[in-house]
Amino acid sequence: MELTVFLTWIACLLSYSASVNQKLFDKPLNKRFAWAGFIILVSVALLSALQWHIAVTASFYVLALVMAFWGIVIFMHGHISNKKFPSAITAVMFLSVLVSAGGQYAA
């Protein structure tokens, strides 16, 4: 399950990095690259979630993660402007520990 959370987080960061309003990089990433990476990573995350859940549940789980992580990325954009990658890495580590400690019921 940690793999699903981690891949979804990276996918959401990739899609955010393609925006002109992003603050992770000096220039936004190429939109085709970012969205292709997003689709690939979310697909792999869905395959990872399918190891634990049936298809419908895994799809809703990954969809809920994407919606939550997009909200978290936007929150980080507005409130944590000077901390770039350390904040992203801290969030991934925190969510991984949360999922590891609580199992599938924590995320």
PDB file of N, CA and C in Angstrom:
ATOM      1  N   MET A   1       0.808  -1.188   0.000  1.00  0.00           N
ATOM      2  CA  MET A   1       0.000   0.000   0.000  1.00  0.00           C
ATOM      3  C   MET A   1       0.857   1.261   0.000  1.00  0.00           C
ATOM      4  N   GLU A   2       2.048   1.176   0.616  1.00  0.00           N
ATOM      5  CA  GLU A   2       2.933   2.354   0.623  1.00  0.00           C
ATOM      6  C   GLU A   2       3.331   2.741  -0.794  1.00  0.00           C
ATOM      7  N   LEU A   3       3.508   1.733  -1.654  1.00  0.00           N
ATOM      8  CA  LEU A   3       3.872   2.008  -3.039  1.00  0.00           C
ATOM      9  C   LEU A   3       2.762   2.789  -3.744  1.00  0.00           C
ATOM     10  N   THR A   4       1.524   2.433  -3.483  1.00  0.00           N
ATOM     11  CA  THR A   4       0.395   3.145  -4.074  1.00  0.00           C
ATOM     12  C   THR A   4       0.391   4.600  -3.639  1.00  0.00           C
ATOM     13  N   VAL A   5       0.584   4.843  -2.358  1.00  0.00           N
ATOM     14  CA  VAL A   5       0.588   6.207  -1.825  1.00  0.00           C
ATOM     15  C   VAL A   5       1.762   6.990  -2.399  1.00  0.00           C
ATOM     16  N   PHE A   6       2.934   6.386  -2.421  1.00  0.00           N
ATOM     17  CA  PHE A   6       4.124   7.080  -2.908  1.00  0.00           C
ATOM     18  C   PHE A   6       4.001   7.429  -4.395  1.00  0.00           C
ATOM     19  N   LEU A   7       3.575   6.482  -5.210  1.00  0.00           N
ATOM     20  CA  LEU A   7       3.444   6.741  -6.650  1.00  0.00           C
ATOM     21  C   LEU A   7       2.379   7.793  -6.942  1.00  0.00           C
ATOM     22  N   THR A   8       1.296   7.766  -6.191  1.00  0.00           N
ATOM     23  CA  THR A   8       0.248   8.766  -6.389  1.00  0.00           C
ATOM     24  C   THR A   8       0.743  10.146  -5.992  1.00  0.00           C
ATOM     25  N   TRP A   9       1.518  10.231  -4.920  1.00  0.00           N
ATOM     26  CA  TRP A   9       2.082  11.514  -4.495  1.00  0.00           C
ATOM     27  C   TRP A   9       3.022  12.085  -5.558  1.00  0.00           C
ATOM     28  N   ILE A  10       3.893  11.261  -6.100  1.00  0.00           N
ATOM     29  CA  ILE A  10       4.822  11.710  -7.143  1.00  0.00           C
ATOM     30  C   ILE A  10       4.047  12.120  -8.394  1.00  0.00           C
ATOM     31  N   ALA A  11       2.993  11.374  -8.730  1.00  0.00           N
ATOM     32  CA  ALA A  11       2.173  11.716  -9.891  1.00  0.00           C
ATOM     33  C   ALA A  11       1.510  13.077  -9.713  1.00  0.00           C
ATOM     34  N   CYS A  12       1.010  13.346  -8.528  1.00  0.00           N
ATOM     35  CA  CYS A  12       0.376  14.645  -8.274  1.00  0.00           C
ATOM     36  C   CYS A  12       1.396  15.775  -8.296  1.00  0.00           C
ATOM     37  N   LEU A  13       2.600  15.522  -7.802  1.00  0.00           N
ATOM     38  CA  LEU A  13       3.651  16.542  -7.894  1.00  0.00           C
ATOM     39  C   LEU A  13       4.037  16.805  -9.342  1.00  0.00           C
ATOM     40  N   LEU A  14       4.055  15.755 -10.167  1.00  0.00           N
ATOM     41  CA  LEU A  14       4.359  15.943 -11.587  1.00  0.00           C
ATOM     42  C   LEU A  14       3.304  16.804 -12.278  1.00  0.00           C
ATOM     43  N   SER A  15       2.045  16.516 -12.019  1.00  0.00           N
ATOM     44  CA  SER A  15       0.996  17.308 -12.663  1.00  0.00           C
ATOM     45  C   SER A  15       1.016  18.746 -12.174  1.00  0.00           C
ATOM     46  N   TYR A  16       1.328  18.953 -10.907  1.00  0.00           N
ATOM     47  CA  TYR A  16       1.431  20.312 -10.371  1.00  0.00           C
ATOM     48  C   TYR A  16       2.621  21.043 -10.991  1.00  0.00           C
ATOM     49  N   SER A  17       3.696  20.334 -11.247  1.00  0.00           N
ATOM     50  CA  SER A  17       4.909  20.950 -11.787  1.00  0.00           C
ATOM     51  C   SER A  17       4.729  21.448 -13.211  1.00  0.00           C
ATOM     52  N   ALA A  18       3.680  21.040 -13.892  1.00  0.00           N
ATOM     53  CA  ALA A  18       3.427  21.509 -15.251  1.00  0.00           C
ATOM     54  C   ALA A  18       2.684  22.841 -15.276  1.00  0.00           C
ATOM     55  N   SER A  19       2.208  23.286 -14.120  1.00  0.00           N
ATOM     56  CA  SER A  19       1.450  24.534 -14.053  1.00  0.00           C
ATOM     57  C   SER A  19       2.389  25.743 -14.088  1.00  0.00           C
ATOM     58  N   VAL A  20       1.902  26.848 -14.631  1.00  0.00           N
ATOM     59  CA  VAL A  20       2.710  28.069 -14.646  1.00  0.00           C
ATOM     60  C   VAL A  20       2.783  28.692 -13.259  1.00  0.00           C
ATOM     61  N   ASN A  21       1.898  28.302 -12.342  1.00  0.00           N
ATOM     62  CA  ASN A  21       1.882  28.851 -10.988  1.00  0.00           C
ATOM     63  C   ASN A  21       2.700  28.041  -9.994  1.00  0.00           C
ATOM     64  N   GLN A  22       3.334  26.988 -10.445  1.00  0.00           N
ATOM     65  CA  GLN A  22       4.082  26.122  -9.536  1.00  0.00           C
ATOM     66  C   GLN A  22       5.338  26.821  -9.037  1.00  0.00           C
ATOM     67  N   LYS A  23       5.811  26.384  -7.850  1.00  0.00           N
ATOM     68  CA  LYS A  23       7.007  26.978  -7.266  1.00  0.00           C
ATOM     69  C   LYS A  23       8.098  25.950  -6.982  1.00  0.00           C
ATOM     70  N   LEU A  24       7.946  24.743  -7.498  1.00  0.00           N
ATOM     71  CA  LEU A  24       8.969  23.725  -7.264  1.00  0.00           C
ATOM     72  C   LEU A  24      10.198  23.940  -8.132  1.00  0.00           C
ATOM     73  N   PHE A  25       9.998  24.357  -9.365  1.00  0.00           N
ATOM     74  CA  PHE A  25      11.092  24.569 -10.314  1.00  0.00           C
ATOM     75  C   PHE A  25      11.059  26.003 -10.809  1.00  0.00           C
ATOM     76  N   ASP A  26      12.167  26.435 -11.411  1.00  0.00           N
ATOM     77  CA  ASP A  26      12.211  27.785 -11.967  1.00  0.00           C
ATOM     78  C   ASP A  26      11.240  27.942 -13.132  1.00  0.00           C
ATOM     79  N   LYS A  27      11.191  26.929 -13.986  1.00  0.00           N
ATOM     80  CA  LYS A  27      10.264  26.928 -15.118  1.00  0.00           C
ATOM     81  C   LYS A  27       9.376  25.694 -15.007  1.00  0.00           C
ATOM     82  N   PRO A  28       8.137  25.791 -15.473  1.00  0.00           N
ATOM     83  CA  PRO A  28       7.265  24.607 -15.414  1.00  0.00           C
ATOM     84  C   PRO A  28       7.773  23.487 -16.314  1.00  0.00           C
ATOM     85  N   LEU A  29       7.440  22.274 -15.937  1.00  0.00           N
ATOM     86  CA  LEU A  29       7.795  21.119 -16.759  1.00  0.00           C
ATOM     87  C   LEU A  29       6.954  21.106 -18.030  1.00  0.00           C
ATOM     88  N   ASN A  30       7.418  20.373 -19.000  1.00  0.00           N
ATOM     89  CA  ASN A  30       6.670  20.175 -20.233  1.00  0.00           C
ATOM     90  C   ASN A  30       5.348  19.479 -19.897  1.00  0.00           C
ATOM     91  N   LYS A  31       4.237  20.036 -20.384  1.00  0.00           N
ATOM     92  CA  LYS A  31       2.919  19.493 -20.041  1.00  0.00           C
ATOM     93  C   LYS A  31       2.744  18.058 -20.515  1.00  0.00           C
ATOM     94  N   ARG A  32       3.228  17.744 -21.702  1.00  0.00           N
ATOM     95  CA  ARG A  32       3.084  16.368 -22.208  1.00  0.00           C
ATOM     96  C   ARG A  32       3.854  15.383 -21.333  1.00  0.00           C
ATOM     97  N   PHE A  33       5.067  15.763 -20.960  1.00  0.00           N
ATOM     98  CA  PHE A  33       5.875  14.897 -20.101  1.00  0.00           C
ATOM     99  C   PHE A  33       5.205  14.723 -18.738  1.00  0.00           C
ATOM    100  N   ALA A  34       4.760  15.820 -18.155  1.00  0.00           N
ATOM    101  CA  ALA A  34       4.186  15.776 -16.809  1.00  0.00           C
ATOM    102  C   ALA A  34       2.896  14.955 -16.776  1.00  0.00           C
ATOM    103  N   TRP A  35       2.009  15.191 -17.727  1.00  0.00           N
ATOM    104  CA  TRP A  35       0.742  14.467 -17.709  1.00  0.00           C
ATOM    105  C   TRP A  35       0.907  13.017 -18.141  1.00  0.00           C
ATOM    106  N   ALA A  36       1.855  12.739 -19.018  1.00  0.00           N
ATOM    107  CA  ALA A  36       2.141  11.342 -19.359  1.00  0.00           C
ATOM    108  C   ALA A  36       2.700  10.617 -18.137  1.00  0.00           C
ATOM    109  N   GLY A  37       3.597  11.277 -17.428  1.00  0.00           N
ATOM    110  CA  GLY A  37       4.122  10.697 -16.193  1.00  0.00           C
ATOM    111  C   GLY A  37       3.035  10.500 -15.156  1.00  0.00           C
ATOM    112  N   PHE A  38       2.111  11.458 -15.070  1.00  0.00           N
ATOM    113  CA  PHE A  38       0.989  11.340 -14.141  1.00  0.00           C
ATOM    114  C   PHE A  38       0.144  10.106 -14.463  1.00  0.00           C
ATOM    115  N   ILE A  39      -0.189   9.930 -15.725  1.00  0.00           N
ATOM    116  CA  ILE A  39      -1.031   8.792 -16.126  1.00  0.00           C
ATOM    117  C   ILE A  39      -0.311   7.470 -15.877  1.00  0.00           C
ATOM    118  N   ILE A  40       0.970   7.430 -16.209  1.00  0.00           N
ATOM    119  CA  ILE A  40       1.731   6.195 -16.000  1.00  0.00           C
ATOM    120  C   ILE A  40       1.846   5.861 -14.513  1.00  0.00           C
ATOM    121  N   LEU A  41       2.179   6.858 -13.696  1.00  0.00           N
ATOM    122  CA  LEU A  41       2.350   6.605 -12.264  1.00  0.00           C
ATOM    123  C   LEU A  41       1.030   6.248 -11.585  1.00  0.00           C
ATOM    124  N   VAL A  42      -0.050   6.901 -11.982  1.00  0.00           N
ATOM    125  CA  VAL A  42      -1.352   6.559 -11.396  1.00  0.00           C
ATOM    126  C   VAL A  42      -1.784   5.161 -11.848  1.00  0.00           C
ATOM    127  N   SER A  43      -1.464   4.789 -13.073  1.00  0.00           N
ATOM    128  CA  SER A  43      -1.786   3.435 -13.543  1.00  0.00           C
ATOM    129  C   SER A  43      -1.015   2.384 -12.762  1.00  0.00           C
ATOM    130  N   VAL A  44       0.263   2.643 -12.512  1.00  0.00           N
ATOM    131  CA  VAL A  44       1.064   1.694 -11.718  1.00  0.00           C
ATOM    132  C   VAL A  44       0.557   1.663 -10.270  1.00  0.00           C
ATOM    133  N   ALA A  45       0.153   2.819  -9.746  1.00  0.00           N
ATOM    134  CA  ALA A  45      -0.416   2.864  -8.401  1.00  0.00           C
ATOM    135  C   ALA A  45      -1.712   2.057  -8.343  1.00  0.00           C
ATOM    136  N   LEU A  46      -2.514   2.146  -9.392  1.00  0.00           N
ATOM    137  CA  LEU A  46      -3.744   1.356  -9.440  1.00  0.00           C
ATOM    138  C   LEU A  46      -3.430  -0.135  -9.485  1.00  0.00           C
ATOM    139  N   LEU A  47      -2.435  -0.517 -10.259  1.00  0.00           N
ATOM    140  CA  LEU A  47      -2.021  -1.925 -10.291  1.00  0.00           C
ATOM    141  C   LEU A  47      -1.528  -2.379  -8.921  1.00  0.00           C
ATOM    142  N   SER A  48      -0.836  -1.492  -8.236  1.00  0.00           N
ATOM    143  CA  SER A  48      -0.378  -1.818  -6.885  1.00  0.00           C
ATOM    144  C   SER A  48      -1.559  -1.974  -5.929  1.00  0.00           C
ATOM    145  N   ALA A  49      -2.545  -1.101  -6.051  1.00  0.00           N
ATOM    146  CA  ALA A  49      -3.724  -1.192  -5.179  1.00  0.00           C
ATOM    147  C   ALA A  49      -4.551  -2.430  -5.490  1.00  0.00           C
ATOM    148  N   LEU A  50      -4.491  -2.891  -6.735  1.00  0.00           N
ATOM    149  CA  LEU A  50      -5.241  -4.099  -7.110  1.00  0.00           C
ATOM    150  C   LEU A  50      -4.693  -5.343  -6.418  1.00  0.00           C
ATOM    151  N   GLN A  51      -3.490  -5.271  -5.893  1.00  0.00           N
ATOM    152  CA  GLN A  51      -2.939  -6.404  -5.162  1.00  0.00           C
ATOM    153  C   GLN A  51      -3.663  -6.613  -3.828  1.00  0.00           C
ATOM    154  N   TRP A  52      -4.284  -5.537  -3.308  1.00  0.00           N
ATOM    155  CA  TRP A  52      -4.920  -5.587  -1.997  1.00  0.00           C
ATOM    156  C   TRP A  52      -6.443  -5.544  -2.061  1.00  0.00           C
ATOM    157  N   HIS A  53      -6.990  -4.902  -3.095  1.00  0.00           N
ATOM    158  CA  HIS A  53      -8.428  -4.668  -3.166  1.00  0.00           C
ATOM    159  C   HIS A  53      -8.977  -5.135  -4.510  1.00  0.00           C
ATOM    160  N   ILE A  54     -10.309  -5.260  -4.570  1.00  0.00           N
ATOM    161  CA  ILE A  54     -10.936  -5.550  -5.853  1.00  0.00           C
ATOM    162  C   ILE A  54     -10.874  -4.286  -6.720  1.00  0.00           C
ATOM    163  N   ALA A  55     -11.200  -4.413  -7.996  1.00  0.00           N
ATOM    164  CA  ALA A  55     -10.973  -3.333  -8.959  1.00  0.00           C
ATOM    165  C   ALA A  55     -11.715  -2.044  -8.613  1.00  0.00           C
ATOM    166  N   VAL A  56     -12.969  -2.147  -8.225  1.00  0.00           N
ATOM    167  CA  VAL A  56     -13.753  -0.943  -7.929  1.00  0.00           C
ATOM    168  C   VAL A  56     -13.201  -0.232  -6.699  1.00  0.00           C
ATOM    169  N   THR A  57     -12.904  -0.981  -5.670  1.00  0.00           N
ATOM    170  CA  THR A  57     -12.370  -0.391  -4.447  1.00  0.00           C
ATOM    171  C   THR A  57     -10.999   0.226  -4.699  1.00  0.00           C
ATOM    172  N   ALA A  58     -10.156  -0.456  -5.451  1.00  0.00           N
ATOM    173  CA  ALA A  58      -8.826   0.075  -5.761  1.00  0.00           C
ATOM    174  C   ALA A  58      -8.929   1.356  -6.576  1.00  0.00           C
ATOM    175  N   SER A  59      -9.860   1.398  -7.517  1.00  0.00           N
ATOM    176  CA  SER A  59     -10.038   2.606  -8.333  1.00  0.00           C
ATOM    177  C   SER A  59     -10.478   3.782  -7.484  1.00  0.00           C
ATOM    178  N   PHE A  60     -11.448   3.559  -6.598  1.00  0.00           N
ATOM    179  CA  PHE A  60     -11.893   4.643  -5.722  1.00  0.00           C
ATOM    180  C   PHE A  60     -10.799   5.055  -4.737  1.00  0.00           C
ATOM    181  N   TYR A  61     -10.001   4.101  -4.285  1.00  0.00           N
ATOM    182  CA  TYR A  61      -8.905   4.395  -3.369  1.00  0.00           C
ATOM    183  C   TYR A  61      -7.870   5.301  -4.038  1.00  0.00           C
ATOM    184  N   VAL A  62      -7.473   4.954  -5.257  1.00  0.00           N
ATOM    185  CA  VAL A  62      -6.496   5.770  -5.979  1.00  0.00           C
ATOM    186  C   VAL A  62      -7.090   7.134  -6.324  1.00  0.00           C
ATOM    187  N   LEU A  63      -8.351   7.181  -6.712  1.00  0.00           N
ATOM    188  CA  LEU A  63      -9.009   8.450  -7.004  1.00  0.00           C
ATOM    189  C   LEU A  63      -9.058   9.341  -5.766  1.00  0.00           C
ATOM    190  N   ALA A  64      -9.379   8.762  -4.619  1.00  0.00           N
ATOM    191  CA  ALA A  64      -9.406   9.533  -3.371  1.00  0.00           C
ATOM    192  C   ALA A  64      -8.014  10.049  -3.012  1.00  0.00           C
ATOM    193  N   LEU A  65      -6.990   9.222  -3.246  1.00  0.00           N
ATOM    194  CA  LEU A  65      -5.623   9.675  -2.993  1.00  0.00           C
ATOM    195  C   LEU A  65      -5.244  10.839  -3.898  1.00  0.00           C
ATOM    196  N   VAL A  66      -5.595  10.755  -5.179  1.00  0.00           N
ATOM    197  CA  VAL A  66      -5.282  11.838  -6.116  1.00  0.00           C
ATOM    198  C   VAL A  66      -5.963  13.125  -5.677  1.00  0.00           C
ATOM    199  N   MET A  67      -7.238  13.048  -5.320  1.00  0.00           N
ATOM    200  CA  MET A  67      -7.949  14.256  -4.897  1.00  0.00           C
ATOM    201  C   MET A  67      -7.362  14.825  -3.613  1.00  0.00           C
ATOM    202  N   ALA A  68      -7.006  13.966  -2.675  1.00  0.00           N
ATOM    203  CA  ALA A  68      -6.414  14.443  -1.420  1.00  0.00           C
ATOM    204  C   ALA A  68      -5.038  15.053  -1.656  1.00  0.00           C
ATOM    205  N   PHE A  69      -4.221  14.409  -2.475  1.00  0.00           N
ATOM    206  CA  PHE A  69      -2.869  14.907  -2.704  1.00  0.00           C
ATOM    207  C   PHE A  69      -2.869  16.195  -3.509  1.00  0.00           C
ATOM    208  N   TRP A  70      -3.804  16.363  -4.439  1.00  0.00           N
ATOM    209  CA  TRP A  70      -3.883  17.641  -5.143  1.00  0.00           C
ATOM    210  C   TRP A  70      -4.230  18.753  -4.159  1.00  0.00           C
ATOM    211  N   GLY A  71      -5.119  18.461  -3.225  1.00  0.00           N
ATOM    212  CA  GLY A  71      -5.432  19.449  -2.188  1.00  0.00           C
ATOM    213  C   GLY A  71      -4.235  19.761  -1.320  1.00  0.00           C
ATOM    214  N   ILE A  72      -3.471  18.743  -0.960  1.00  0.00           N
ATOM    215  CA  ILE A  72      -2.277  18.956  -0.141  1.00  0.00           C
ATOM    216  C   ILE A  72      -1.236  19.759  -0.906  1.00  0.00           C
ATOM    217  N   VAL A  73      -1.058  19.473  -2.179  1.00  0.00           N
ATOM    218  CA  VAL A  73      -0.079  20.212  -2.990  1.00  0.00           C
ATOM    219  C   VAL A  73      -0.472  21.683  -3.079  1.00  0.00           C
ATOM    220  N   ILE A  74      -1.758  21.961  -3.277  1.00  0.00           N
ATOM    221  CA  ILE A  74      -2.212  23.345  -3.344  1.00  0.00           C
ATOM    222  C   ILE A  74      -2.039  24.024  -1.991  1.00  0.00           C
ATOM    223  N   PHE A  75      -2.317  23.316  -0.917  1.00  0.00           N
ATOM    224  CA  PHE A  75      -2.104  23.869   0.422  1.00  0.00           C
ATOM    225  C   PHE A  75      -0.631  24.193   0.645  1.00  0.00           C
ATOM    226  N   MET A  76       0.252  23.278   0.237  1.00  0.00           N
ATOM    227  CA  MET A  76       1.688  23.521   0.380  1.00  0.00           C
ATOM    228  C   MET A  76       2.118  24.710  -0.470  1.00  0.00           C
ATOM    229  N   HIS A  77       1.518  24.871  -1.635  1.00  0.00           N
ATOM    230  CA  HIS A  77       1.847  25.987  -2.523  1.00  0.00           C
ATOM    231  C   HIS A  77       1.538  27.319  -1.847  1.00  0.00           C
ATOM    232  N   GLY A  78       0.435  27.389  -1.143  1.00  0.00           N
ATOM    233  CA  GLY A  78       0.034  28.641  -0.524  1.00  0.00           C
ATOM    234  C   GLY A  78       0.680  28.925   0.813  1.00  0.00           C
ATOM    235  N   HIS A  79       1.064  27.884   1.534  1.00  0.00           N
ATOM    236  CA  HIS A  79       1.531  28.091   2.897  1.00  0.00           C
ATOM    237  C   HIS A  79       3.008  27.801   3.119  1.00  0.00           C
ATOM    238  N   ILE A  80       3.604  27.018   2.266  1.00  0.00           N
ATOM    239  CA  ILE A  80       5.019  26.672   2.434  1.00  0.00           C
ATOM    240  C   ILE A  80       5.732  27.074   1.157  1.00  0.00           C
ATOM    241  N   SER A  81       6.062  28.351   1.030  1.00  0.00           N
ATOM    242  CA  SER A  81       6.618  28.823  -0.235  1.00  0.00           C
ATOM    243  C   SER A  81       8.137  28.704  -0.299  1.00  0.00           C
ATOM    244  N   ASN A  82       8.833  28.800   0.811  1.00  0.00           N
ATOM    245  CA  ASN A  82      10.297  28.789   0.772  1.00  0.00           C
ATOM    246  C   ASN A  82      10.889  27.389   0.831  1.00  0.00           C
ATOM    247  N   LYS A  83      10.153  26.441   1.330  1.00  0.00           N
ATOM    248  CA  LYS A  83      10.655  25.074   1.432  1.00  0.00           C
ATOM    249  C   LYS A  83      10.184  24.298   0.217  1.00  0.00           C
ATOM    250  N   LYS A  84      11.097  23.976  -0.663  1.00  0.00           N
ATOM    251  CA  LYS A  84      10.690  23.323  -1.912  1.00  0.00           C
ATOM    252  C   LYS A  84      10.621  21.815  -1.748  1.00  0.00           C
ATOM    253  N   PHE A  85      11.674  21.129  -2.086  1.00  0.00           N
ATOM    254  CA  PHE A  85      11.637  19.674  -2.043  1.00  0.00           C
ATOM    255  C   PHE A  85      11.656  19.099  -0.632  1.00  0.00           C
ATOM    256  N   PRO A  86      12.284  19.729   0.355  1.00  0.00           N
ATOM    257  CA  PRO A  86      12.188  19.143   1.704  1.00  0.00           C
ATOM    258  C   PRO A  86      10.754  18.987   2.184  1.00  0.00           C
ATOM    259  N   SER A  87       9.880  19.906   1.839  1.00  0.00           N
ATOM    260  CA  SER A  87       8.487  19.767   2.265  1.00  0.00           C
ATOM    261  C   SER A  87       7.817  18.609   1.542  1.00  0.00           C
ATOM    262  N   ALA A  88       8.122  18.429   0.267  1.00  0.00           N
ATOM    263  CA  ALA A  88       7.543  17.312  -0.481  1.00  0.00           C
ATOM    264  C   ALA A  88       8.062  15.988   0.055  1.00  0.00           C
ATOM    265  N   ILE A  89       9.344  15.917   0.328  1.00  0.00           N
ATOM    266  CA  ILE A  89       9.930  14.685   0.855  1.00  0.00           C
ATOM    267  C   ILE A  89       9.382  14.393   2.247  1.00  0.00           C
ATOM    268  N   THR A  90       9.236  15.430   3.064  1.00  0.00           N
ATOM    269  CA  THR A  90       8.679  15.248   4.402  1.00  0.00           C
ATOM    270  C   THR A  90       7.253  14.729   4.332  1.00  0.00           C
ATOM    271  N   ALA A  91       6.466  15.250   3.410  1.00  0.00           N
ATOM    272  CA  ALA A  91       5.085  14.785   3.271  1.00  0.00           C
ATOM    273  C   ALA A  91       5.037  13.324   2.845  1.00  0.00           C
ATOM    274  N   VAL A  92       5.889  12.935   1.913  1.00  0.00           N
ATOM    275  CA  VAL A  92       5.913  11.537   1.468  1.00  0.00           C
ATOM    276  C   VAL A  92       6.344  10.627   2.614  1.00  0.00           C
ATOM    277  N   MET A  93       7.360  11.032   3.365  1.00  0.00           N
ATOM    278  CA  MET A  93       7.805  10.211   4.490  1.00  0.00           C
ATOM    279  C   MET A  93       6.717  10.116   5.555  1.00  0.00           C
ATOM    280  N   PHE A  94       6.041  11.234   5.836  1.00  0.00           N
ATOM    281  CA  PHE A  94       4.973  11.231   6.825  1.00  0.00           C
ATOM    282  C   PHE A  94       3.833  10.309   6.403  1.00  0.00           C
ATOM    283  N   LEU A  95       3.424  10.403   5.155  1.00  0.00           N
ATOM    284  CA  LEU A  95       2.336   9.556   4.686  1.00  0.00           C
ATOM    285  C   LEU A  95       2.739   8.089   4.652  1.00  0.00           C
ATOM    286  N   SER A  96       3.995   7.811   4.309  1.00  0.00           N
ATOM    287  CA  SER A  96       4.466   6.423   4.318  1.00  0.00           C
ATOM    288  C   SER A  96       4.458   5.848   5.729  1.00  0.00           C
ATOM    289  N   VAL A  97       4.912   6.639   6.693  1.00  0.00           N
ATOM    290  CA  VAL A  97       4.897   6.181   8.088  1.00  0.00           C
ATOM    291  C   VAL A  97       3.465   6.002   8.569  1.00  0.00           C
ATOM    292  N   LEU A  98       2.584   6.921   8.172  1.00  0.00           N
ATOM    293  CA  LEU A  98       1.184   6.828   8.558  1.00  0.00           C
ATOM    294  C   LEU A  98       0.535   5.566   8.030  1.00  0.00           C
ATOM    295  N   VAL A  99       0.779   5.260   6.765  1.00  0.00           N
ATOM    296  CA  VAL A  99       0.213   4.063   6.161  1.00  0.00           C
ATOM    297  C   VAL A  99       0.841   2.812   6.758  1.00  0.00           C
ATOM    298  N   SER A 100       2.144   2.852   7.031  1.00  0.00           N
ATOM    299  CA  SER A 100       2.812   1.698   7.621  1.00  0.00           C
ATOM    300  C   SER A 100       2.322   1.429   9.033  1.00  0.00           C
ATOM    301  N   ALA A 101       2.120   2.498   9.793  1.00  0.00           N
ATOM    302  CA  ALA A 101       1.694   2.330  11.188  1.00  0.00           C
ATOM    303  C   ALA A 101       0.241   1.908  11.295  1.00  0.00           C
ATOM    304  N   GLY A 102      -0.613   2.454  10.447  1.00  0.00           N
ATOM    305  CA  GLY A 102      -2.030   2.177  10.565  1.00  0.00           C
ATOM    306  C   GLY A 102      -2.554   1.178   9.566  1.00  0.00           C
ATOM    307  N   GLY A 103      -1.719   0.718   8.684  1.00  0.00           N
ATOM    308  CA  GLY A 103      -2.182  -0.209   7.672  1.00  0.00           C
ATOM    309  C   GLY A 103      -3.068   0.474   6.672  1.00  0.00           C
ATOM    310  N   GLN A 104      -3.974  -0.252   6.073  1.00  0.00           N
ATOM    311  CA  GLN A 104      -4.829   0.307   5.034  1.00  0.00           C
ATOM    312  C   GLN A 104      -5.898   1.237   5.586  1.00  0.00           C
ATOM    313  N   TYR A 105      -6.084   1.285   6.886  1.00  0.00           N
ATOM    314  CA  TYR A 105      -7.140   2.115   7.455  1.00  0.00           C
ATOM    315  C   TYR A 105      -6.661   3.535   7.739  1.00  0.00           C
ATOM    316  N   ALA A 106      -5.364   3.785   7.627  1.00  0.00           N
ATOM    317  CA  ALA A 106      -4.822   5.114   7.944  1.00  0.00           C
ATOM    318  C   ALA A 106      -4.946   6.081   6.792  1.00  0.00           C
ATOM    319  N   ALA A 107      -4.933   5.608   5.570  1.00  0.00           N
ATOM    320  CA  ALA A 107      -4.947   6.531   4.433  1.00  0.00           C
ATOM    321  C   ALA A 107      -6.321   6.656   3.844  1.00  0.00           C
TER     322      ALA A 107
END
